Amino acid sequence: MERSDSIKKYFPIFVLPTLIAFVLFFIVPFAMGIGLSFAKFTTITNAKFVGFSNYIKAFTSDNEFVHALGFTSVFTVVSMITVNIFAFALAILLTKGITGTNIFRSVFFLPNLIGGIVLGYIWNLLINGVLSIFDVDITFKASYGFWGLVILTNWQLIGYMMVIYIAGLQNIPTELLEAAAIDGASPLTVLFKIKIPMVMPSITICMFLTLTNSFKMFDQNLALTAGAPQNTTEMLALNIYNTFYGRPGWQGVGQAKAVVFFIIVAFIAFIQLKVTNKREIEQ
């Protein structure tokens, strides 16, 4: 009882600094950003209210924002599928007691430690080196840039997701797997009836992380293609950046796009979590 009273007494002292920092550096800028999305401005001191015109401009002034939304959505779906399939396959392979498993885990995880800009430039050199055989580069076609981004994302995220899946697979009771083996269950039956249902919490986490990382991708996109050719490989975050910093007088439109971007990511992430959490409960 004394311990509980002590926690209640000192809890505000420990929480207050973090709470103040959260309010000052997240809540306040976020609220200001929403307010500025309804204004025309170059700095926050000369903002003039313009209503919903920034939001209207974002969708009607040109087709770039809508195209970036479509491109990002397709990229995110493809990345979510490929990253999680390969990561789960590797996790299963590396939980079979293969010699040198720890080394392989470390090697596969290392790409996640490399910064996005560096990663983008590395893959730009690698892909352009291969494409130079055909006298083209990654900016020759939008499809080249799209699949280049998919490859880069897979290379960066698979190792990280693999670690999460390994943790989930190692938590499956060995008694359950032994019982399945005694009953003569095939490897596919064990996979779909035992392993996948038992690692649904890991699948939820990995799907959420892949979705948010793919949808918010900026630095890899900037370094790999910079939106070329003709902004056809420009993703949402890069489009917002180019609008805000590359078009004088369009800061308000860029801010409106950022708010729309936040709403889209939050909504999709919420739906994804609800769906996968429902699967967890059903299992």
C-alpha atoms as a PDB file:
ATOM      1  CA  MET A   1       0.000   0.000   0.000  1.00  0.00           C
ATOM      2  CA  GLU A   2       2.852   2.344   0.841  1.00  0.00           C
ATOM      3  CA  ARG A   3       4.448   1.667  -2.511  1.00  0.00           C
ATOM      4  CA  SER A   4       1.199   2.534  -4.302  1.00  0.00           C
ATOM      5  CA  ASP A   5       0.912   5.809  -2.371  1.00  0.00           C
ATOM      6  CA  SER A   6       4.533   6.632  -3.170  1.00  0.00           C
ATOM      7  CA  ILE A   7       3.933   6.074  -6.886  1.00  0.00           C
ATOM      8  CA  LYS A   8       0.865   8.328  -6.824  1.00  0.00           C
ATOM      9  CA  LYS A   9       2.810  11.009  -4.945  1.00  0.00           C
ATOM     10  CA  TYR A  10       5.814  11.179  -7.264  1.00  0.00           C
ATOM     11  CA  PHE A  11       4.079  10.247 -10.528  1.00  0.00           C
ATOM     12  CA  PRO A  12       3.395  13.892 -11.569  1.00  0.00           C
ATOM     13  CA  ILE A  13       7.035  14.849 -10.933  1.00  0.00           C
ATOM     14  CA  PHE A  14       8.309  12.251 -13.399  1.00  0.00           C
ATOM     15  CA  VAL A  15       5.525  12.669 -15.950  1.00  0.00           C
ATOM     16  CA  LEU A  16       5.388  16.475 -16.009  1.00  0.00           C
ATOM     17  CA  PRO A  17       8.671  17.114 -17.955  1.00  0.00           C
ATOM     18  CA  THR A  18       7.702  14.618 -20.642  1.00  0.00           C
ATOM     19  CA  LEU A  19       4.157  15.956 -20.809  1.00  0.00           C
ATOM     20  CA  ILE A  20       5.394  19.560 -21.181  1.00  0.00           C
ATOM     21  CA  ALA A  21       7.810  18.525 -23.945  1.00  0.00           C
ATOM     22  CA  PHE A  22       5.035  16.571 -25.721  1.00  0.00           C
ATOM     23  CA  VAL A  23       2.672  19.554 -25.616  1.00  0.00           C
ATOM     24  CA  LEU A  24       5.296  22.102 -26.705  1.00  0.00           C
ATOM     25  CA  PHE A  25       6.930  20.083 -29.478  1.00  0.00           C
ATOM     26  CA  PHE A  26       4.019  18.013 -30.777  1.00  0.00           C
ATOM     27  CA  ILE A  27       0.563  19.259 -29.795  1.00  0.00           C
ATOM     28  CA  VAL A  28       1.266  22.990 -30.297  1.00  0.00           C
ATOM     29  CA  PRO A  29       3.028  22.624 -33.713  1.00  0.00           C
ATOM     30  CA  PHE A  30       0.348  20.169 -34.835  1.00  0.00           C
ATOM     31  CA  ALA A  31      -2.451  22.586 -33.919  1.00  0.00           C
ATOM     32  CA  MET A  32      -0.592  25.478 -35.583  1.00  0.00           C
ATOM     33  CA  GLY A  33      -0.136  23.363 -38.712  1.00  0.00           C
ATOM     34  CA  ILE A  34      -3.866  22.709 -38.946  1.00  0.00           C
ATOM     35  CA  GLY A  35      -4.552  26.418 -38.508  1.00  0.00           C
ATOM     36  CA  LEU A  36      -2.007  27.392 -41.178  1.00  0.00           C
ATOM     37  CA  SER A  37      -3.609  24.991 -43.656  1.00  0.00           C
ATOM     38  CA  PHE A  38      -6.502  27.491 -43.821  1.00  0.00           C
ATOM     39  CA  ALA A  39      -4.199  30.463 -44.430  1.00  0.00           C
ATOM     40  CA  LYS A  40      -1.960  31.962 -47.082  1.00  0.00           C
ATOM     41  CA  PHE A  41       1.452  32.702 -45.595  1.00  0.00           C
ATOM     42  CA  THR A  42       5.190  32.847 -46.045  1.00  0.00           C
ATOM     43  CA  THR A  43       5.879  32.995 -42.304  1.00  0.00           C
ATOM     44  CA  ILE A  44       3.542  32.404 -39.356  1.00  0.00           C
ATOM     45  CA  THR A  45       3.508  36.163 -38.639  1.00  0.00           C
ATOM     46  CA  ASN A  46       1.873  37.174 -41.953  1.00  0.00           C
ATOM     47  CA  ALA A  47      -0.729  34.399 -42.261  1.00  0.00           C
ATOM     48  CA  LYS A  48      -4.069  35.449 -43.781  1.00  0.00           C
ATOM     49  CA  PHE A  49      -7.160  33.270 -43.478  1.00  0.00           C
ATOM     50  CA  VAL A  50      -8.364  31.958 -46.862  1.00  0.00           C
ATOM     51  CA  GLY A  51     -10.799  29.247 -45.797  1.00  0.00           C
ATOM     52  CA  PHE A  52     -10.793  25.983 -47.703  1.00  0.00           C
ATOM     53  CA  SER A  53      -9.116  27.395 -50.825  1.00  0.00           C
ATOM     54  CA  ASN A  54      -5.809  25.676 -50.001  1.00  0.00           C
ATOM     55  CA  TYR A  55      -7.561  22.292 -49.835  1.00  0.00           C
ATOM     56  CA  ILE A  56      -9.370  22.983 -53.093  1.00  0.00           C
ATOM     57  CA  LYS A  57      -6.090  23.994 -54.757  1.00  0.00           C
ATOM     58  CA  ALA A  58      -4.389  20.847 -53.496  1.00  0.00           C
ATOM     59  CA  PHE A  59      -6.803  18.662 -55.477  1.00  0.00           C
ATOM     60  CA  THR A  60      -7.678  20.883 -58.445  1.00  0.00           C
ATOM     61  CA  SER A  61      -4.658  23.059 -59.334  1.00  0.00           C
ATOM     62  CA  ASP A  62      -2.867  20.127 -60.959  1.00  0.00           C
ATOM     63  CA  ASN A  63      -3.023  16.347 -60.977  1.00  0.00           C
ATOM     64  CA  GLU A  64       0.254  15.816 -59.116  1.00  0.00           C
ATOM     65  CA  PHE A  65      -1.172  15.373 -55.604  1.00  0.00           C
ATOM     66  CA  VAL A  66      -3.852  12.912 -56.750  1.00  0.00           C
ATOM     67  CA  HIS A  67      -1.266  11.005 -58.807  1.00  0.00           C
ATOM     68  CA  ALA A  68       1.122  10.917 -55.838  1.00  0.00           C
ATOM     69  CA  LEU A  69      -1.698   9.543 -53.669  1.00  0.00           C
ATOM     70  CA  GLY A  70      -2.437   6.777 -56.176  1.00  0.00           C
ATOM     71  CA  PHE A  71       1.243   5.950 -56.684  1.00  0.00           C
ATOM     72  CA  THR A  72       1.859   5.825 -52.920  1.00  0.00           C
ATOM     73  CA  SER A  73      -1.208   3.654 -52.318  1.00  0.00           C
ATOM     74  CA  VAL A  74      -0.201   1.053 -54.915  1.00  0.00           C
ATOM     75  CA  PHE A  75       3.398   1.094 -53.678  1.00  0.00           C
ATOM     76  CA  THR A  76       2.240   0.603 -50.075  1.00  0.00           C
ATOM     77  CA  VAL A  77       0.033  -2.383 -50.935  1.00  0.00           C
ATOM     78  CA  VAL A  78       2.808  -4.093 -52.930  1.00  0.00           C
ATOM     79  CA  SER A  79       5.405  -3.375 -50.214  1.00  0.00           C
ATOM     80  CA  MET A  80       3.170  -4.653 -47.413  1.00  0.00           C
ATOM     81  CA  ILE A  81       2.614  -7.947 -49.236  1.00  0.00           C
ATOM     82  CA  THR A  82       6.196  -8.554 -50.371  1.00  0.00           C
ATOM     83  CA  VAL A  83       7.968  -7.406 -47.187  1.00  0.00           C
ATOM     84  CA  ASN A  84       5.795  -9.503 -44.884  1.00  0.00           C
ATOM     85  CA  ILE A  85       5.830 -12.631 -47.041  1.00  0.00           C
ATOM     86  CA  PHE A  86       9.630 -12.612 -47.373  1.00  0.00           C
ATOM     87  CA  ALA A  87      10.163 -11.638 -43.729  1.00  0.00           C
ATOM     88  CA  PHE A  88       7.880 -14.436 -42.506  1.00  0.00           C
ATOM     89  CA  ALA A  89       9.530 -16.968 -44.826  1.00  0.00           C
ATOM     90  CA  LEU A  90      12.973 -15.999 -43.533  1.00  0.00           C
ATOM     91  CA  ALA A  91      11.745 -16.167 -39.937  1.00  0.00           C
ATOM     92  CA  ILE A  92      10.492 -19.721 -40.452  1.00  0.00           C
ATOM     93  CA  LEU A  93      13.759 -20.707 -42.129  1.00  0.00           C
ATOM     94  CA  LEU A  94      15.876 -19.216 -39.345  1.00  0.00           C
ATOM     95  CA  THR A  95      13.917 -20.924 -36.573  1.00  0.00           C
ATOM     96  CA  LYS A  96      14.726 -24.407 -37.851  1.00  0.00           C
ATOM     97  CA  GLY A  97      18.074 -24.619 -36.051  1.00  0.00           C
ATOM     98  CA  ILE A  98      20.240 -24.024 -39.126  1.00  0.00           C
ATOM     99  CA  THR A  99      23.966 -23.608 -38.414  1.00  0.00           C
ATOM    100  CA  GLY A 100      24.977 -19.941 -38.279  1.00  0.00           C
ATOM    101  CA  THR A 101      21.418 -18.727 -37.671  1.00  0.00           C
ATOM    102  CA  ASN A 102      22.529 -15.799 -35.468  1.00  0.00           C
ATOM    103  CA  ILE A 103      24.940 -14.580 -38.147  1.00  0.00           C
ATOM    104  CA  PHE A 104      22.206 -14.699 -40.784  1.00  0.00           C
ATOM    105  CA  ARG A 105      19.827 -12.793 -38.502  1.00  0.00           C
ATOM    106  CA  SER A 106      22.412 -10.050 -37.989  1.00  0.00           C
ATOM    107  CA  VAL A 107      23.185  -9.804 -41.708  1.00  0.00           C
ATOM    108  CA  PHE A 108      19.500  -9.541 -42.670  1.00  0.00           C
ATOM    109  CA  PHE A 109      18.870  -6.943 -39.949  1.00  0.00           C
ATOM    110  CA  LEU A 110      21.805  -4.650 -40.881  1.00  0.00           C
ATOM    111  CA  PRO A 111      20.077  -2.791 -43.798  1.00  0.00           C
ATOM    112  CA  ASN A 112      17.544  -1.381 -41.325  1.00  0.00           C
ATOM    113  CA  LEU A 113      20.376   0.505 -39.611  1.00  0.00           C
ATOM    114  CA  ILE A 114      21.335   2.434 -42.765  1.00  0.00           C
ATOM    115  CA  GLY A 115      19.811   5.901 -43.218  1.00  0.00           C
ATOM    116  CA  GLY A 116      17.203   6.379 -45.928  1.00  0.00           C
ATOM    117  CA  ILE A 117      19.160   8.938 -47.958  1.00  0.00           C
ATOM    118  CA  VAL A 118      22.281   6.768 -47.989  1.00  0.00           C
ATOM    119  CA  LEU A 119      20.191   3.730 -48.848  1.00  0.00           C
ATOM    120  CA  GLY A 120      18.533   5.581 -51.718  1.00  0.00           C
ATOM    121  CA  TYR A 121      21.835   6.672 -53.255  1.00  0.00           C
ATOM    122  CA  ILE A 122      23.337   3.184 -52.870  1.00  0.00           C
ATOM    123  CA  TRP A 123      20.418   1.573 -54.696  1.00  0.00           C
ATOM    124  CA  ASN A 124      20.394   4.351 -57.275  1.00  0.00           C
ATOM    125  CA  LEU A 125      23.987   3.420 -58.169  1.00  0.00           C
ATOM    126  CA  LEU A 126      23.255  -0.319 -58.133  1.00  0.00           C
ATOM    127  CA  ILE A 127      20.092  -0.157 -60.251  1.00  0.00           C
ATOM    128  CA  ASN A 128      21.548   2.362 -62.709  1.00  0.00           C
ATOM    129  CA  GLY A 129      24.612   0.127 -63.016  1.00  0.00           C
ATOM    130  CA  VAL A 130      22.397  -2.761 -64.127  1.00  0.00           C
ATOM    131  CA  LEU A 131      20.176  -0.621 -66.363  1.00  0.00           C
ATOM    132  CA  SER A 132      23.207   0.965 -68.047  1.00  0.00           C
ATOM    133  CA  ILE A 133      23.595  -2.325 -69.939  1.00  0.00           C
ATOM    134  CA  PHE A 134      20.400  -1.337 -71.776  1.00  0.00           C
ATOM    135  CA  ASP A 135      21.458   2.355 -72.112  1.00  0.00           C
ATOM    136  CA  VAL A 136      18.749   3.585 -69.711  1.00  0.00           C
ATOM    137  CA  ASP A 137      18.556   4.554 -66.042  1.00  0.00           C
ATOM    138  CA  ILE A 138      15.976   4.380 -63.262  1.00  0.00           C
ATOM    139  CA  THR A 139      14.333   7.625 -64.411  1.00  0.00           C
ATOM    140  CA  PHE A 140      13.674   6.263 -67.922  1.00  0.00           C
ATOM    141  CA  LYS A 141      10.246   4.881 -66.990  1.00  0.00           C
ATOM    142  CA  ALA A 142       7.967   5.303 -63.994  1.00  0.00           C
ATOM    143  CA  SER A 143       7.773   1.515 -63.671  1.00  0.00           C
ATOM    144  CA  TYR A 144      11.556   1.356 -63.168  1.00  0.00           C
ATOM    145  CA  GLY A 145      11.326   3.823 -60.314  1.00  0.00           C
ATOM    146  CA  PHE A 146       8.340   2.022 -58.800  1.00  0.00           C
ATOM    147  CA  TRP A 147      10.018  -1.381 -58.685  1.00  0.00           C
ATOM    148  CA  GLY A 148      13.272   0.223 -57.599  1.00  0.00           C
ATOM    149  CA  LEU A 149      11.465   1.665 -54.572  1.00  0.00           C
ATOM    150  CA  VAL A 150       9.832  -1.713 -53.868  1.00  0.00           C
ATOM    151  CA  ILE A 151      13.210  -3.479 -53.968  1.00  0.00           C
ATOM    152  CA  LEU A 152      14.797  -0.838 -51.740  1.00  0.00           C
ATOM    153  CA  THR A 153      11.952  -1.037 -49.216  1.00  0.00           C
ATOM    154  CA  ASN A 154      12.100  -4.817 -49.108  1.00  0.00           C
ATOM    155  CA  TRP A 155      15.854  -4.791 -48.618  1.00  0.00           C
ATOM    156  CA  GLN A 156      15.553  -2.292 -45.775  1.00  0.00           C
ATOM    157  CA  LEU A 157      12.521  -3.638 -43.888  1.00  0.00           C
ATOM    158  CA  ILE A 158      12.599  -7.423 -44.308  1.00  0.00           C
ATOM    159  CA  GLY A 159      15.278  -7.924 -41.650  1.00  0.00           C
ATOM    160  CA  TYR A 160      13.465  -5.827 -39.071  1.00  0.00           C
ATOM    161  CA  MET A 161      10.132  -7.560 -39.637  1.00  0.00           C
ATOM    162  CA  MET A 162      11.914 -10.916 -39.640  1.00  0.00           C
ATOM    163  CA  VAL A 163      13.123 -10.312 -36.062  1.00  0.00           C
ATOM    164  CA  ILE A 164       9.543  -9.627 -34.919  1.00  0.00           C
ATOM    165  CA  TYR A 165       8.259 -12.768 -36.645  1.00  0.00           C
ATOM    166  CA  ILE A 166      11.059 -14.860 -35.112  1.00  0.00           C
ATOM    167  CA  ALA A 167      10.018 -13.655 -31.649  1.00  0.00           C
ATOM    168  CA  GLY A 168       6.439 -14.672 -32.393  1.00  0.00           C
ATOM    169  CA  LEU A 169       7.390 -18.086 -33.769  1.00  0.00           C
ATOM    170  CA  GLN A 170       9.629 -18.843 -30.790  1.00  0.00           C
ATOM    171  CA  ASN A 171       6.683 -18.190 -28.451  1.00  0.00           C
ATOM    172  CA  ILE A 172       4.599 -20.987 -29.990  1.00  0.00           C
ATOM    173  CA  PRO A 173       4.362 -23.806 -27.402  1.00  0.00           C
ATOM    174  CA  THR A 174       6.526 -26.747 -28.483  1.00  0.00           C
ATOM    175  CA  GLU A 175       3.860 -29.095 -27.117  1.00  0.00           C
ATOM    176  CA  LEU A 176       1.451 -27.809 -29.758  1.00  0.00           C
ATOM    177  CA  LEU A 177       3.893 -28.501 -32.595  1.00  0.00           C
ATOM    178  CA  GLU A 178       4.755 -31.922 -31.181  1.00  0.00           C
ATOM    179  CA  ALA A 179       1.076 -32.817 -30.952  1.00  0.00           C
ATOM    180  CA  ALA A 180       0.578 -31.781 -34.575  1.00  0.00           C
ATOM    181  CA  ALA A 181       3.548 -33.935 -35.621  1.00  0.00           C
ATOM    182  CA  ILE A 182       2.156 -36.944 -33.731  1.00  0.00           C
ATOM    183  CA  ASP A 183      -1.238 -36.468 -35.437  1.00  0.00           C
ATOM    184  CA  GLY A 184       0.535 -36.508 -38.814  1.00  0.00           C
ATOM    185  CA  ALA A 185      -0.189 -32.886 -39.760  1.00  0.00           C
ATOM    186  CA  SER A 186       1.568 -31.795 -42.959  1.00  0.00           C
ATOM    187  CA  PRO A 187       3.958 -28.795 -42.956  1.00  0.00           C
ATOM    188  CA  LEU A 188       1.315 -26.700 -44.752  1.00  0.00           C
ATOM    189  CA  THR A 189      -1.318 -27.636 -42.194  1.00  0.00           C
ATOM    190  CA  VAL A 190       1.024 -26.704 -39.345  1.00  0.00           C
ATOM    191  CA  LEU A 191       1.809 -23.411 -41.080  1.00  0.00           C
ATOM    192  CA  PHE A 192      -1.786 -22.327 -41.735  1.00  0.00           C
ATOM    193  CA  LYS A 193      -3.519 -23.908 -38.753  1.00  0.00           C
ATOM    194  CA  ILE A 194      -0.945 -23.353 -36.016  1.00  0.00           C
ATOM    195  CA  LYS A 195       1.943 -21.028 -36.846  1.00  0.00           C
ATOM    196  CA  ILE A 196       0.112 -18.205 -38.630  1.00  0.00           C
ATOM    197  CA  PRO A 197      -2.793 -18.052 -36.122  1.00  0.00           C
ATOM    198  CA  MET A 198      -0.337 -18.110 -33.202  1.00  0.00           C
ATOM    199  CA  VAL A 199       1.764 -15.233 -34.577  1.00  0.00           C
ATOM    200  CA  MET A 200      -1.164 -12.948 -35.440  1.00  0.00           C
ATOM    201  CA  PRO A 201       0.026 -10.329 -32.883  1.00  0.00           C
ATOM    202  CA  SER A 202       3.373 -10.218 -34.722  1.00  0.00           C
ATOM    203  CA  ILE A 203       1.568  -9.973 -38.061  1.00  0.00           C
ATOM    204  CA  THR A 204      -0.467  -7.023 -36.727  1.00  0.00           C
ATOM    205  CA  ILE A 205       2.686  -5.191 -35.646  1.00  0.00           C
ATOM    206  CA  CYS A 206       4.580  -5.909 -38.866  1.00  0.00           C
ATOM    207  CA  MET A 207       1.667  -4.928 -41.109  1.00  0.00           C
ATOM    208  CA  PHE A 208       1.236  -1.668 -39.209  1.00  0.00           C
ATOM    209  CA  LEU A 209       4.961  -0.819 -39.352  1.00  0.00           C
ATOM    210  CA  THR A 210       5.207  -1.693 -43.049  1.00  0.00           C
ATOM    211  CA  LEU A 211       2.105   0.319 -43.890  1.00  0.00           C
ATOM    212  CA  THR A 212       3.193   3.462 -42.050  1.00  0.00           C
ATOM    213  CA  ASN A 213       6.818   3.270 -43.234  1.00  0.00           C
ATOM    214  CA  SER A 214       5.791   2.773 -46.860  1.00  0.00           C
ATOM    215  CA  PHE A 215       3.104   5.466 -46.880  1.00  0.00           C
ATOM    216  CA  LYS A 216       5.348   8.043 -45.213  1.00  0.00           C
ATOM    217  CA  MET A 217       8.443   7.304 -47.294  1.00  0.00           C
ATOM    218  CA  PHE A 218      10.360  10.450 -48.194  1.00  0.00           C
ATOM    219  CA  ASP A 219      14.153  10.280 -48.059  1.00  0.00           C
ATOM    220  CA  GLN A 220      14.458   7.041 -50.059  1.00  0.00           C
ATOM    221  CA  ASN A 221      12.134   8.466 -52.710  1.00  0.00           C
ATOM    222  CA  LEU A 222      14.134  11.700 -52.858  1.00  0.00           C
ATOM    223  CA  ALA A 223      17.488   9.928 -53.192  1.00  0.00           C
ATOM    224  CA  LEU A 224      16.413   7.159 -55.580  1.00  0.00           C
ATOM    225  CA  THR A 225      14.290   8.968 -58.182  1.00  0.00           C
ATOM    226  CA  ALA A 226      13.437  12.465 -56.819  1.00  0.00           C
ATOM    227  CA  GLY A 227      10.060  11.932 -58.509  1.00  0.00           C
ATOM    228  CA  ALA A 228      11.511  11.531 -62.023  1.00  0.00           C
ATOM    229  CA  PRO A 229      10.501  11.167 -64.757  1.00  0.00           C
ATOM    230  CA  GLN A 230       8.226  14.237 -64.653  1.00  0.00           C
ATOM    231  CA  ASN A 231       7.048  13.602 -61.069  1.00  0.00           C
ATOM    232  CA  THR A 232       5.503  10.240 -62.027  1.00  0.00           C
ATOM    233  CA  THR A 233       7.383   8.475 -59.185  1.00  0.00           C
ATOM    234  CA  GLU A 234       6.731  11.250 -56.678  1.00  0.00           C
ATOM    235  CA  MET A 235       5.203   9.942 -53.454  1.00  0.00           C
ATOM    236  CA  LEU A 236       2.965  11.936 -51.100  1.00  0.00           C
ATOM    237  CA  ALA A 237       5.648  13.092 -48.662  1.00  0.00           C
ATOM    238  CA  LEU A 238       7.916  14.275 -51.494  1.00  0.00           C
ATOM    239  CA  ASN A 239       5.001  16.007 -53.228  1.00  0.00           C
ATOM    240  CA  ILE A 240       4.193  17.904 -50.018  1.00  0.00           C
ATOM    241  CA  TYR A 241       7.857  18.884 -49.612  1.00  0.00           C
ATOM    242  CA  ASN A 242       8.104  20.109 -53.208  1.00  0.00           C
ATOM    243  CA  THR A 243       4.863  22.084 -52.865  1.00  0.00           C
ATOM    244  CA  PHE A 244       5.882  23.753 -49.605  1.00  0.00           C
ATOM    245  CA  TYR A 245       9.512  24.541 -50.446  1.00  0.00           C
ATOM    246  CA  GLY A 246       9.547  24.516 -54.239  1.00  0.00           C
ATOM    247  CA  ARG A 247       6.574  26.743 -55.101  1.00  0.00           C
ATOM    248  CA  PRO A 248       6.695  30.269 -53.642  1.00  0.00           C
ATOM    249  CA  GLY A 249       3.352  31.355 -52.224  1.00  0.00           C
ATOM    250  CA  TRP A 250       2.107  27.780 -51.992  1.00  0.00           C
ATOM    251  CA  GLN A 251       3.109  27.150 -48.375  1.00  0.00           C
ATOM    252  CA  GLY A 252      -0.548  27.077 -47.315  1.00  0.00           C
ATOM    253  CA  VAL A 253      -1.367  24.512 -50.010  1.00  0.00           C
ATOM    254  CA  GLY A 254       1.574  22.415 -48.882  1.00  0.00           C
ATOM    255  CA  GLN A 255       0.303  22.608 -45.308  1.00  0.00           C
ATOM    256  CA  ALA A 256      -3.194  21.586 -46.435  1.00  0.00           C
ATOM    257  CA  LYS A 257      -1.703  18.591 -48.253  1.00  0.00           C
ATOM    258  CA  ALA A 258       0.163  17.670 -45.066  1.00  0.00           C
ATOM    259  CA  VAL A 259      -3.083  17.672 -43.068  1.00  0.00           C
ATOM    260  CA  VAL A 260      -4.802  15.501 -45.697  1.00  0.00           C
ATOM    261  CA  PHE A 261      -1.771  13.226 -45.628  1.00  0.00           C
ATOM    262  CA  PHE A 262      -2.033  12.852 -41.849  1.00  0.00           C
ATOM    263  CA  ILE A 263      -5.759  12.050 -42.026  1.00  0.00           C
ATOM    264  CA  ILE A 264      -5.205   9.412 -44.734  1.00  0.00           C
ATOM    265  CA  VAL A 265      -2.355   7.680 -42.881  1.00  0.00           C
ATOM    266  CA  ALA A 266      -4.240   7.750 -39.565  1.00  0.00           C
ATOM    267  CA  PHE A 267      -7.428   6.369 -41.157  1.00  0.00           C
ATOM    268  CA  ILE A 268      -5.672   3.559 -43.058  1.00  0.00           C
ATOM    269  CA  ALA A 269      -3.594   2.608 -40.015  1.00  0.00           C
ATOM    270  CA  PHE A 270      -6.724   2.537 -37.852  1.00  0.00           C
ATOM    271  CA  ILE A 271      -8.597   0.300 -40.298  1.00  0.00           C
ATOM    272  CA  GLN A 272      -5.605  -2.034 -40.649  1.00  0.00           C
ATOM    273  CA  LEU A 273      -5.243  -2.369 -36.876  1.00  0.00           C
ATOM    274  CA  LYS A 274      -8.960  -3.045 -36.451  1.00  0.00           C
ATOM    275  CA  VAL A 275      -8.948  -5.758 -39.130  1.00  0.00           C
ATOM    276  CA  THR A 276      -5.818  -7.549 -37.855  1.00  0.00           C
ATOM    277  CA  ASN A 277      -6.870  -7.224 -34.217  1.00  0.00           C
ATOM    278  CA  LYS A 278     -10.199  -8.807 -35.133  1.00  0.00           C
ATOM    279  CA  ARG A 279      -8.297 -11.716 -36.681  1.00  0.00           C
ATOM    280  CA  GLU A 280      -6.309 -12.074 -33.452  1.00  0.00           C
ATOM    281  CA  ILE A 281      -9.532 -12.319 -31.417  1.00  0.00           C
ATOM    282  CA  GLU A 282     -11.060 -14.818 -33.857  1.00  0.00           C
ATOM    283  CA  GLN A 283      -7.958 -16.987 -33.644  1.00  0.00           C
END
